[in-house]
N, C-alpha and C. Protein backbone atom coordinates (compact mmCIF):
# COMPACT_ATOMS: atom_id res chain seq x y z
N UNK A 1 0.62 -1.13 -0.08
CA UNK A 1 -0.27 0.32 0.08
C UNK A 1 1.02 0.94 0.42
N UNK A 2 1.09 1.94 -1.08
CA UNK A 2 1.16 3.56 -0.62
C UNK A 2 0.17 4.71 -0.52
N UNK A 3 1.17 5.80 -0.36
CA UNK A 3 0.21 7.41 -0.31
C UNK A 3 0.80 7.95 -0.88
N UNK A 4 0.53 9.06 -1.63
CA UNK A 4 0.45 10.28 -2.61
C UNK A 4 0.07 11.55 -2.14
N UNK A 5 0.72 12.74 -2.13
CA UNK A 5 -0.05 13.42 -1.80
C UNK A 5 0.42 14.71 -2.85
N UNK A 6 -0.10 15.80 -3.37
CA UNK A 6 -0.05 16.83 -4.05
C UNK A 6 -0.88 18.14 -3.97
N UNK A 7 -0.53 19.23 -4.39
CA UNK A 7 -1.30 20.20 -4.09
C UNK A 7 -1.58 21.09 -5.35
N UNK A 8 -2.88 20.59 -5.73
CA UNK A 8 -2.70 21.70 -7.33
C UNK A 8 -3.11 23.07 -6.69
N UNK A 9 -2.42 24.09 -8.05
CA UNK A 9 -3.03 25.29 -7.67
C UNK A 9 -4.01 25.54 -9.27
N UNK A 10 -5.07 25.94 -8.59
CA UNK A 10 -6.10 26.69 -9.47
C UNK A 10 -6.25 27.95 -9.32
N UNK A 11 -6.27 28.60 -11.02
CA UNK A 11 -6.49 30.38 -10.94
C UNK A 11 -8.02 30.08 -11.62
N UNK A 12 -8.37 31.63 -11.03
CA UNK A 12 -9.74 31.22 -10.94
C UNK A 12 -10.20 33.03 -11.75
N UNK A 13 -10.96 32.52 -12.90
CA UNK A 13 -11.28 34.46 -13.62
C UNK A 13 -12.31 35.40 -12.36
N UNK A 14 -13.00 34.46 -11.29
CA UNK A 14 -14.18 34.91 -10.61
C UNK A 14 -14.92 33.80 -10.62
N UNK A 15 -16.61 34.12 -10.60
CA UNK A 15 -17.62 33.32 -10.32
C UNK A 15 -17.54 32.09 -11.22
N UNK A 16 -17.82 31.12 -10.78
CA UNK A 16 -18.02 29.70 -11.68
C UNK A 16 -17.23 28.87 -11.60
N UNK A 17 -17.62 27.61 -12.30
CA UNK A 17 -17.09 26.46 -12.64
C UNK A 17 -15.51 26.38 -13.47
N UNK A 18 -14.60 25.91 -12.57
CA UNK A 18 -13.43 25.52 -13.37
C UNK A 18 -12.95 24.27 -13.41
N UNK A 19 -13.04 23.42 -14.82
CA UNK A 19 -12.77 22.29 -15.02
C UNK A 19 -11.12 21.92 -14.28
N UNK A 20 -11.18 20.86 -13.37
CA UNK A 20 -9.79 20.56 -12.87
C UNK A 20 -9.65 18.92 -13.37
N UNK A 21 -10.17 18.59 -14.06
CA UNK A 21 -10.27 17.10 -14.58
C UNK A 21 -8.88 16.72 -15.29
N UNK A 22 -8.43 17.30 -16.27
CA UNK A 22 -6.76 17.06 -16.51
C UNK A 22 -5.99 16.83 -15.74
N UNK A 23 -5.81 17.93 -14.86
CA UNK A 23 -4.44 17.80 -13.75
C UNK A 23 -4.47 16.63 -13.15
N UNK A 24 -5.84 16.68 -12.21
CA UNK A 24 -6.08 15.33 -11.61
C UNK A 24 -6.08 14.08 -12.34
N UNK A 25 -6.12 13.94 -13.47
CA UNK A 25 -5.93 12.24 -14.06
C UNK A 25 -4.85 12.37 -14.13
N UNK A 26 -3.80 13.31 -15.00
CA UNK A 26 -2.33 13.19 -15.01
C UNK A 26 -1.71 12.62 -14.08
N UNK A 27 -1.85 13.36 -12.97
CA UNK A 27 -0.97 13.63 -11.21
C UNK A 27 -1.54 11.79 -10.66
N UNK A 28 -2.70 11.31 -11.10
CA UNK A 28 -3.10 9.79 -10.75
C UNK A 28 -2.40 9.02 -11.77
N UNK A 29 -2.45 9.59 -13.11
CA UNK A 29 -1.69 8.42 -13.61
C UNK A 29 -0.27 8.21 -12.99
N UNK A 30 0.22 9.57 -13.42
CA UNK A 30 1.92 9.75 -12.83
C UNK A 30 2.21 9.02 -11.56
N UNK A 31 1.12 8.84 -10.74
CA UNK A 31 1.62 8.21 -9.29
C UNK A 31 1.99 6.80 -9.44
N UNK A 32 1.36 5.94 -10.62
CA UNK A 32 1.14 4.76 -10.74
C UNK A 32 0.89 3.78 -9.86
N UNK A 33 0.04 4.55 -9.16
CA UNK A 33 -1.24 3.54 -7.98
C UNK A 33 -2.61 3.59 -9.14
N UNK A 34 -2.68 2.17 -9.18
CA UNK A 34 -3.52 1.84 -10.40
C UNK A 34 -5.14 1.25 -9.81
N UNK A 35 -5.04 0.85 -8.24
CA UNK A 35 -6.23 1.13 -7.37
C UNK A 35 -6.27 1.67 -6.30
N UNK A 36 -6.99 2.09 -5.65
CA UNK A 36 -7.05 3.05 -4.70
C UNK A 36 -8.40 3.93 -4.12
N UNK A 37 -7.79 5.01 -3.50
CA UNK A 37 -8.68 5.58 -2.77
C UNK A 37 -8.01 7.32 -3.23
N UNK A 38 -8.86 7.77 -3.94
CA UNK A 38 -8.22 9.62 -4.20
C UNK A 38 -9.73 10.82 -3.12
N UNK A 39 -8.64 11.10 -2.66
CA UNK A 39 -9.52 12.73 -1.80
C UNK A 39 -8.82 13.68 -2.26
N UNK A 40 -9.78 14.31 -2.63
CA UNK A 40 -9.68 15.47 -3.07
C UNK A 40 -9.97 17.13 -1.94
N UNK A 41 -9.52 17.75 -1.67
CA UNK A 41 -9.69 18.74 -0.34
C UNK A 41 -9.84 19.94 -0.94
N UNK A 42 -10.43 20.88 -0.93
CA UNK A 42 -10.57 22.75 -1.02
C UNK A 42 -10.18 23.11 0.18
N UNK A 43 -8.75 24.11 -0.06
CA UNK A 43 -8.91 24.57 1.13
C UNK A 43 -8.66 25.64 1.55
N UNK A 44 -9.76 26.35 1.02
CA UNK A 44 -10.74 27.66 0.91
C UNK A 44 -12.50 27.49 1.63
N UNK A 45 -12.90 28.68 2.03
CA UNK A 45 -14.13 28.81 2.68
C UNK A 45 -14.96 29.99 1.71
N UNK A 46 -14.63 29.92 0.65
CA UNK A 46 -15.80 30.24 -0.45
C UNK A 46 -15.00 29.92 -2.04
N UNK A 47 -15.02 28.85 -1.84
CA UNK A 47 -15.08 28.06 -3.14
C UNK A 47 -15.19 26.58 -2.59
N UNK A 48 -15.34 25.43 -4.00
CA UNK A 48 -15.78 24.25 -3.23
C UNK A 48 -15.80 23.10 -4.38
N UNK A 49 -15.56 21.91 -4.24
CA UNK A 49 -15.48 21.02 -5.15
C UNK A 49 -16.82 20.35 -5.95
N UNK A 50 -16.62 20.41 -7.08
CA UNK A 50 -18.16 18.67 -7.13
C UNK A 50 -17.69 18.19 -8.93
N UNK A 51 -18.68 17.67 -8.32
CA UNK A 51 -18.58 16.27 -9.87
C UNK A 51 -19.85 16.67 -10.72
N UNK A 52 -19.65 17.11 -11.53
CA UNK A 52 -20.83 17.67 -12.72
C UNK A 52 -20.78 17.35 -14.50
N UNK A 53 -21.78 17.59 -14.63
CA UNK A 53 -21.93 17.12 -15.98
C UNK A 53 -20.60 17.87 -17.04
N UNK A 54 -20.20 16.96 -18.01
CA UNK A 54 -18.97 18.07 -18.44
C UNK A 54 -19.22 18.16 -19.97
N UNK A 55 -20.19 17.75 -20.78
CA UNK A 55 -20.76 17.51 -22.19
C UNK A 55 -21.22 19.06 -22.46
N UNK A 56 -22.26 19.47 -21.73
CA UNK A 56 -23.19 20.71 -22.21
C UNK A 56 -22.87 21.31 -21.28
N UNK A 57 -21.94 22.92 -21.80
CA UNK A 57 -21.50 23.96 -21.00
C UNK A 57 -23.04 24.51 -20.47
N UNK A 58 -24.33 24.68 -21.32
CA UNK A 58 -25.73 24.70 -20.65
C UNK A 58 -25.90 24.67 -18.93
N UNK A 59 -25.40 23.14 -18.56
CA UNK A 59 -25.55 22.64 -17.33
C UNK A 59 -25.13 23.41 -16.48
N UNK A 60 -23.76 23.91 -16.56
CA UNK A 60 -22.67 24.61 -15.79
C UNK A 60 -23.59 26.05 -15.72
N UNK A 61 -23.91 26.34 -16.90
CA UNK A 61 -24.67 28.01 -16.59
C UNK A 61 -25.84 28.16 -15.98
N UNK A 62 -26.97 27.21 -15.93
CA UNK A 62 -27.92 26.80 -14.94
C UNK A 62 -27.50 26.92 -13.56
N UNK A 63 -26.40 25.84 -13.50
CA UNK A 63 -26.07 25.60 -12.16
C UNK A 63 -25.42 26.80 -11.71
N UNK A 64 -24.65 28.04 -12.35
CA UNK A 64 -24.20 29.16 -11.39
C UNK A 64 -25.24 29.85 -11.70
N UNK A 65 -26.37 30.20 -12.49
CA UNK A 65 -27.63 30.80 -12.55
C UNK A 65 -28.63 30.51 -10.87
N UNK A 66 -28.65 29.12 -10.65
CA UNK A 66 -29.42 28.74 -9.44
C UNK A 66 -28.60 29.36 -8.12
N UNK A 67 -27.31 29.23 -7.89
CA UNK A 67 -26.81 29.64 -7.15
C UNK A 67 -27.05 31.01 -6.58
N UNK A 68 -26.73 31.63 -7.92
CA UNK A 68 -27.00 33.29 -8.06
C UNK A 68 -28.05 33.77 -7.47
N UNK A 69 -29.72 32.90 -7.91
CA UNK A 69 -30.79 32.93 -6.86
C UNK A 69 -30.91 32.98 -5.53
N UNK A 70 -30.36 31.54 -5.44
CA UNK A 70 -30.50 30.79 -3.96
C UNK A 70 -29.38 31.88 -3.04
N UNK A 71 -28.54 32.04 -3.25
CA UNK A 71 -27.57 32.93 -2.35
C UNK A 71 -27.43 34.27 -2.78
N UNK A 72 -27.96 35.45 -2.89
CA UNK A 72 -28.56 36.17 -3.67
C UNK A 72 -27.40 37.43 -2.83
N UNK A 73 -26.07 37.66 -3.99
CA UNK A 73 -25.31 39.11 -3.23
C UNK A 73 -26.72 40.18 -3.02
N UNK A 74 -26.62 40.54 -1.82
CA UNK A 74 -27.61 41.87 -1.35
C UNK A 74 -26.82 42.57 -0.02
N UNK A 75 -26.32 43.99 -0.57
CA UNK A 75 -25.86 44.68 0.05
C UNK A 75 -27.07 44.77 1.31
N UNK A 76 -26.61 44.40 3.09
CA UNK A 76 -27.62 44.79 3.83
C UNK A 76 -28.29 43.64 4.64
N UNK A 77 -27.95 42.27 3.74
CA UNK A 77 -28.87 41.53 3.70
C UNK A 77 -27.88 40.43 4.89
N UNK A 78 -26.58 40.46 5.04
CA UNK A 78 -25.71 39.69 5.97
C UNK A 78 -24.97 40.44 6.97
N UNK A 79 -25.17 40.07 7.95
CA UNK A 79 -23.82 40.76 8.79
C UNK A 79 -22.72 40.95 8.55
N UNK A 80 -22.05 39.70 7.75
CA UNK A 80 -20.65 39.54 7.33
C UNK A 80 -20.21 40.14 6.04
N UNK A 81 -19.50 41.30 6.44
CA UNK A 81 -19.61 41.79 4.43
C UNK A 81 -18.00 42.30 4.66
N UNK A 82 -16.78 41.94 5.11
CA UNK A 82 -16.33 42.75 5.15
C UNK A 82 -15.06 42.49 3.96
N UNK A 83 -15.39 42.06 3.37
CA UNK A 83 -14.35 41.48 2.05
C UNK A 83 -15.50 41.79 0.47
N UNK A 84 -16.92 42.25 1.34
CA UNK A 84 -17.65 43.06 -0.16
C UNK A 84 -18.97 42.08 -0.23
N UNK A 85 -19.73 42.84 -0.91
CA UNK A 85 -20.74 42.10 -1.12
C UNK A 85 -21.02 40.34 -1.28
N UNK A 86 -19.53 40.15 -2.06
CA UNK A 86 -19.77 38.58 -2.35
C UNK A 86 -19.18 37.77 -1.13
N UNK A 87 -19.22 38.57 -0.06
CA UNK A 87 -18.40 37.26 0.89
C UNK A 87 -19.15 36.50 1.66
N UNK A 88 -20.06 37.06 2.33
CA UNK A 88 -21.05 35.97 3.08
C UNK A 88 -21.92 35.20 2.00
N UNK A 89 -22.07 35.57 0.93
CA UNK A 89 -22.83 34.51 -0.08
C UNK A 89 -21.74 33.16 -0.99
N UNK A 90 -20.32 33.33 -0.61
CA UNK A 90 -20.00 32.86 -0.91
C UNK A 90 -19.30 31.61 0.31
N UNK A 91 -19.27 31.86 1.40
CA UNK A 91 -19.58 31.28 2.49
C UNK A 91 -20.75 30.26 2.32
N UNK A 92 -21.70 31.19 2.08
CA UNK A 92 -22.96 30.11 2.20
C UNK A 92 -23.06 29.18 1.01
N UNK A 93 -22.78 29.31 -0.11
CA UNK A 93 -22.62 28.53 -1.04
C UNK A 93 -21.17 27.42 -1.22
N UNK A 94 -20.36 27.47 -0.35
CA UNK A 94 -19.62 26.76 -0.23
C UNK A 94 -20.32 25.71 0.90
N UNK A 95 -20.90 25.94 1.55
CA UNK A 95 -21.45 25.42 2.52
C UNK A 95 -22.22 24.77 2.18
N UNK A 96 -23.16 24.83 1.37
CA UNK A 96 -24.51 24.18 0.36
C UNK A 96 -23.51 23.35 -0.84
N UNK A 97 -22.34 23.29 -0.72
CA UNK A 97 -21.94 22.17 -1.77
C UNK A 97 -20.50 21.04 -1.12
N UNK A 98 -19.49 21.21 -1.66
CA UNK A 98 -18.62 20.17 -0.50
C UNK A 98 -17.26 20.95 -0.71
N UNK A 99 -16.16 21.12 0.21
CA UNK A 99 -14.96 21.38 -0.08
C UNK A 99 -14.07 20.11 -0.05
N UNK A 100 -14.81 18.87 -0.25
CA UNK A 100 -14.14 17.45 -0.41
C UNK A 100 -14.69 16.88 -1.38
N UNK A 101 -14.16 15.57 -2.15
CA UNK A 101 -14.49 14.49 -2.90
C UNK A 101 -13.90 13.37 -2.55
N UNK A 102 -14.49 12.52 -2.36
CA UNK A 102 -13.56 11.09 -2.76
C UNK A 102 -14.25 10.14 -4.00
N UNK A 103 -13.02 9.41 -4.31
CA UNK A 103 -13.05 9.11 -5.50
C UNK A 103 -12.31 7.29 -5.93
N UNK A 104 -13.25 6.85 -5.98
CA UNK A 104 -12.13 5.32 -6.18
C UNK A 104 -11.30 5.48 -7.53
N UNK A 105 -10.39 4.77 -7.41
CA UNK A 105 -9.55 4.73 -8.54
C UNK A 105 -9.16 3.35 -8.97
N UNK A 106 -9.31 3.09 -10.46
CA UNK A 106 -9.25 1.72 -10.91
C UNK A 106 -8.64 1.97 -12.39
N UNK A 107 -7.36 0.97 -12.19
CA UNK A 107 -6.82 0.94 -13.33
C UNK A 107 -6.28 2.39 -13.65
N UNK A 108 -5.53 2.55 -12.43
CA UNK A 108 -4.73 3.96 -12.67
C UNK A 108 -5.33 5.44 -13.19
N UNK A 109 -6.70 5.52 -13.08
CA UNK A 109 -7.94 6.56 -13.62
C UNK A 109 -8.84 6.84 -12.13
N UNK A 110 -9.36 7.83 -11.40
CA UNK A 110 -10.31 7.99 -10.99
C UNK A 110 -11.86 7.29 -12.00
N UNK A 111 -12.63 6.80 -11.08
CA UNK A 111 -13.84 6.49 -11.70
C UNK A 111 -14.99 7.18 -11.93
N UNK A 112 -15.04 7.79 -13.10
CA UNK A 112 -15.95 8.79 -13.05
C UNK A 112 -16.73 8.50 -14.17
N UNK A 113 -17.98 8.32 -14.60
CA UNK A 113 -18.89 8.53 -15.56
C UNK A 113 -18.09 8.83 -16.80
N UNK A 114 -19.24 8.72 -17.45
CA UNK A 114 -18.84 9.07 -19.44
C UNK A 114 -19.04 10.90 -19.04
N UNK A 115 -20.05 11.21 -19.01
CA UNK A 115 -20.18 12.58 -18.57
C UNK A 115 -20.04 13.09 -17.17
N UNK A 116 -19.43 12.65 -16.49
CA UNK A 116 -18.72 13.32 -15.03
C UNK A 116 -17.64 14.01 -15.07
N UNK A 117 -17.26 15.43 -15.09
CA UNK A 117 -16.07 15.98 -14.90
C UNK A 117 -15.91 17.02 -13.35
N UNK A 118 -14.82 17.03 -13.19
CA UNK A 118 -14.57 17.47 -11.61
C UNK A 118 -14.23 19.30 -12.01
N UNK A 119 -14.62 19.53 -11.20
CA UNK A 119 -14.82 21.25 -10.91
C UNK A 119 -14.13 21.72 -9.15
N UNK A 120 -13.67 22.58 -9.70
CA UNK A 120 -13.70 23.82 -8.70
C UNK A 120 -14.65 25.05 -8.60
N UNK A 121 -15.44 24.53 -7.82
CA UNK A 121 -16.51 26.24 -8.09
C UNK A 121 -16.14 27.22 -7.28
N UNK A 122 -15.82 28.43 -8.06
CA UNK A 122 -15.09 29.17 -7.57
C UNK A 122 -16.48 30.28 -7.03
N UNK A 123 -16.67 31.26 -5.82
CA UNK A 123 -17.96 31.77 -5.25
C UNK A 123 -17.49 33.39 -5.34
N UNK A 124 -16.50 33.61 -5.37
CA UNK A 124 -16.13 34.99 -5.02
C UNK A 124 -15.92 36.05 -7.01
N UNK A 125 -16.20 36.89 -6.80
CA UNK A 125 -16.58 37.85 -8.04
C UNK A 125 -15.12 37.84 -8.57
N UNK A 126 -13.88 38.02 -7.75
CA UNK A 126 -13.38 38.53 -8.34
C UNK A 126 -11.80 37.02 -8.68
N UNK A 127 -11.04 37.25 -9.59
CA UNK A 127 -10.00 36.27 -9.57
C UNK A 127 -9.11 35.69 -8.37
N UNK A 128 -9.28 34.86 -8.00
CA UNK A 128 -8.40 33.89 -7.14
C UNK A 128 -7.84 32.54 -7.87
N UNK A 129 -6.71 32.37 -6.74
CA UNK A 129 -5.28 31.25 -6.91
C UNK A 129 -5.96 30.50 -5.60
N UNK A 130 -6.65 29.09 -5.99
CA UNK A 130 -7.16 28.41 -5.01
C UNK A 130 -6.34 26.92 -4.89
N UNK A 131 -6.33 26.40 -3.75
CA UNK A 131 -5.46 25.56 -3.85
C UNK A 131 -6.31 24.08 -3.37
N UNK A 132 -5.64 23.49 -4.09
CA UNK A 132 -6.37 21.81 -3.89
C UNK A 132 -5.62 20.95 -3.50
N UNK A 133 -5.57 19.96 -2.19
CA UNK A 133 -4.77 18.74 -1.85
C UNK A 133 -5.29 17.49 -2.19
N UNK A 134 -4.35 16.83 -2.89
CA UNK A 134 -4.94 15.48 -3.65
C UNK A 134 -4.28 14.28 -2.93
N UNK A 135 -5.03 13.62 -2.42
CA UNK A 135 -4.66 12.55 -1.47
C UNK A 135 -4.35 11.05 -2.04
N UNK A 136 -4.09 10.47 -2.61
CA UNK A 136 -4.31 9.08 -3.45
C UNK A 136 -3.92 7.82 -2.54
N UNK A 137 -4.67 6.80 -1.81
CA UNK A 137 -4.13 5.62 -1.20
C UNK A 137 -4.32 4.47 -1.99
N UNK A 138 -3.49 3.62 -2.28
CA UNK A 138 -3.67 2.52 -2.82
C UNK A 138 -2.27 1.91 -3.11
N UNK A 139 -2.83 0.92 -4.26
CA UNK A 139 -1.74 0.17 -4.79
C UNK A 139 -1.43 -0.39 -6.41
């Protein structure tokens, strides 16, 4: 049994879903681990991780619009606005999604469905550099 640990840096352009499939798939492949369990951990309280449709970009647009209506930026609505009107909504959106994903690995690849992609979901308006920690255990 082996373990591998890696830190993936993701640059965002502001709110939205950023595909992270390629660097994750490449890192798992390069690890040489054929069978195991992959954990992805987002080290932030205003961004999250998700597995979502990767074929039709309108799915991502609908998800982004849904979260805008579910947790709107409304000045005066929230007490915590230290970093601007998107501050507290970003924290709430992170709470409603995931900061961790766990995915089985088989044949040296994360076991994802045909139309499943891995995404960092940026909840802040301005660009950020986000860190995702990847931990793989297996053989």
